[in-house]
Protein backbone atom coordinates (compact mmCIF):
# COMPACT_ATOMS: atom_id res chain seq x y z
CA MET A 1 152.26 126.61 42.11
CA PHE A 2 153.54 125.16 45.62
CA VAL A 3 151.17 123.56 48.26
CA ARG A 4 151.86 123.21 52.27
CA ARG A 5 149.04 121.25 53.91
CA SER A 6 147.66 122.86 56.47
CA SER A 7 146.80 120.58 59.88
CA ASP A 8 144.39 123.17 61.19
CA GLY A 9 142.70 123.55 57.75
CA GLU A 10 143.86 127.45 57.45
CA ALA A 11 143.93 128.57 54.00
CA LYS A 12 146.34 131.13 52.95
CA VAL A 13 147.45 132.29 49.75
CA GLY A 14 150.42 134.41 48.50
CA PHE A 15 151.74 135.28 45.27
CA ALA A 16 155.27 135.40 43.98
CA VAL A 17 157.03 136.48 41.16
CA GLN A 18 160.34 135.96 39.91
CA ARG A 19 162.88 138.57 38.97
CA LYS A 20 164.06 137.66 35.67
CA ALA A 21 160.05 137.56 34.76
CA GLY A 22 160.83 141.47 33.76
CA THR A 23 160.45 144.65 35.31
CA ALA A 24 158.61 146.08 38.08
CA VAL A 25 155.61 147.02 36.08
CA LYS A 26 155.52 143.34 34.18
CA ARG A 27 156.01 141.68 37.47
CA ASN A 28 152.79 143.52 38.89
CA ARG A 29 150.81 142.73 36.18
CA ILE A 30 151.79 138.90 36.27
CA ARG A 31 150.65 139.09 40.04
CA ARG A 32 147.54 140.84 39.13
CA ARG A 33 146.76 138.02 36.60
CA LEU A 34 147.42 135.18 38.98
CA ARG A 35 145.52 137.22 41.57
CA ALA A 36 142.22 137.19 39.32
CA LEU A 37 143.18 133.70 38.14
CA HIS A 38 142.84 132.58 41.91
CA GLN A 39 139.36 134.63 42.85
CA SER A 40 137.99 132.94 39.85
CA PHE A 41 138.26 129.67 41.68
CA GLU A 42 137.37 130.87 45.02
CA ASP A 43 133.82 129.10 44.82
CA GLU A 44 134.94 125.68 44.07
CA LEU A 45 138.14 125.99 46.32
CA VAL A 46 138.52 123.77 49.51
CA GLN A 47 140.10 124.86 52.73
CA CYS A 48 142.81 122.45 52.73
CA ALA A 49 146.08 123.98 52.41
CA GLN A 50 148.41 126.98 52.07
CA ILE A 51 148.80 127.77 48.29
CA VAL A 52 151.81 129.76 46.73
CA TRP A 53 151.45 130.73 42.73
CA LEU A 54 154.78 131.22 41.15
CA GLY A 55 154.23 133.75 38.59
CA LYS A 56 156.54 133.28 35.25
CA SER A 57 156.93 135.81 32.42
CA GLY A 58 154.47 133.25 30.27
CA VAL A 59 151.42 134.37 32.30
CA LEU A 60 151.67 137.66 30.32
CA THR A 61 151.28 136.36 27.02
CA ALA A 62 148.65 133.60 27.70
CA ASP A 63 145.38 133.93 27.15
CA TRP A 64 142.87 133.71 29.94
CA GLN A 65 141.23 130.67 28.88
CA SER A 66 144.50 128.66 28.55
CA LEU A 67 145.71 130.12 32.09
CA ARG A 68 142.56 129.26 33.71
CA LYS A 69 142.66 125.91 32.41
CA SER A 70 146.26 125.42 33.72
CA GLY A 71 145.61 126.82 37.25
CA GLN A 72 142.40 124.39 37.42
CA LYS A 73 144.89 121.42 36.67
CA LEU A 74 146.91 122.40 39.11
CA LEU A 75 144.30 122.90 41.70
CA LEU A 76 142.86 119.72 41.27
CA ARG A 77 146.17 117.81 41.28
CA ALA A 78 146.69 119.28 44.58
CA GLU A 79 143.22 118.37 45.63
CA CYS A 80 142.06 121.66 46.77
CA LEU A 81 138.88 122.01 44.07
CA LYS A 82 136.18 120.54 44.87
CA VAL A 83 135.25 117.92 41.97
CA GLN A 84 132.44 118.82 40.12
CA SER A 85 130.67 116.42 37.91
CA ARG A 86 130.90 117.00 33.76
CA GLY A 87 127.07 116.88 33.61
CA GLY A 88 127.15 117.95 29.64
CA GLN A 89 130.15 120.28 30.51
CA ASP A 90 133.34 119.43 28.24
CA GLY A 91 135.95 120.74 30.70
């Protein structure tokens, strides 16, 4: 994931997949999974940056929970995710 800080506060998102990730069908499937991953965090995102999700072939084989956990970790590191208290949840 690449993040570029936006001075005007405008948030944009893009999805890119490497050609070596496979055929067009596989690349589109990776892009769809990344789009769904981003949408699952939409309510928690802070309007702070322009984000580009870079998809690799591992996105196809990863289970949804580990993919979501990785995405959450990346967004927290980029400071684009609202920090939530863990109130009873083991994150």
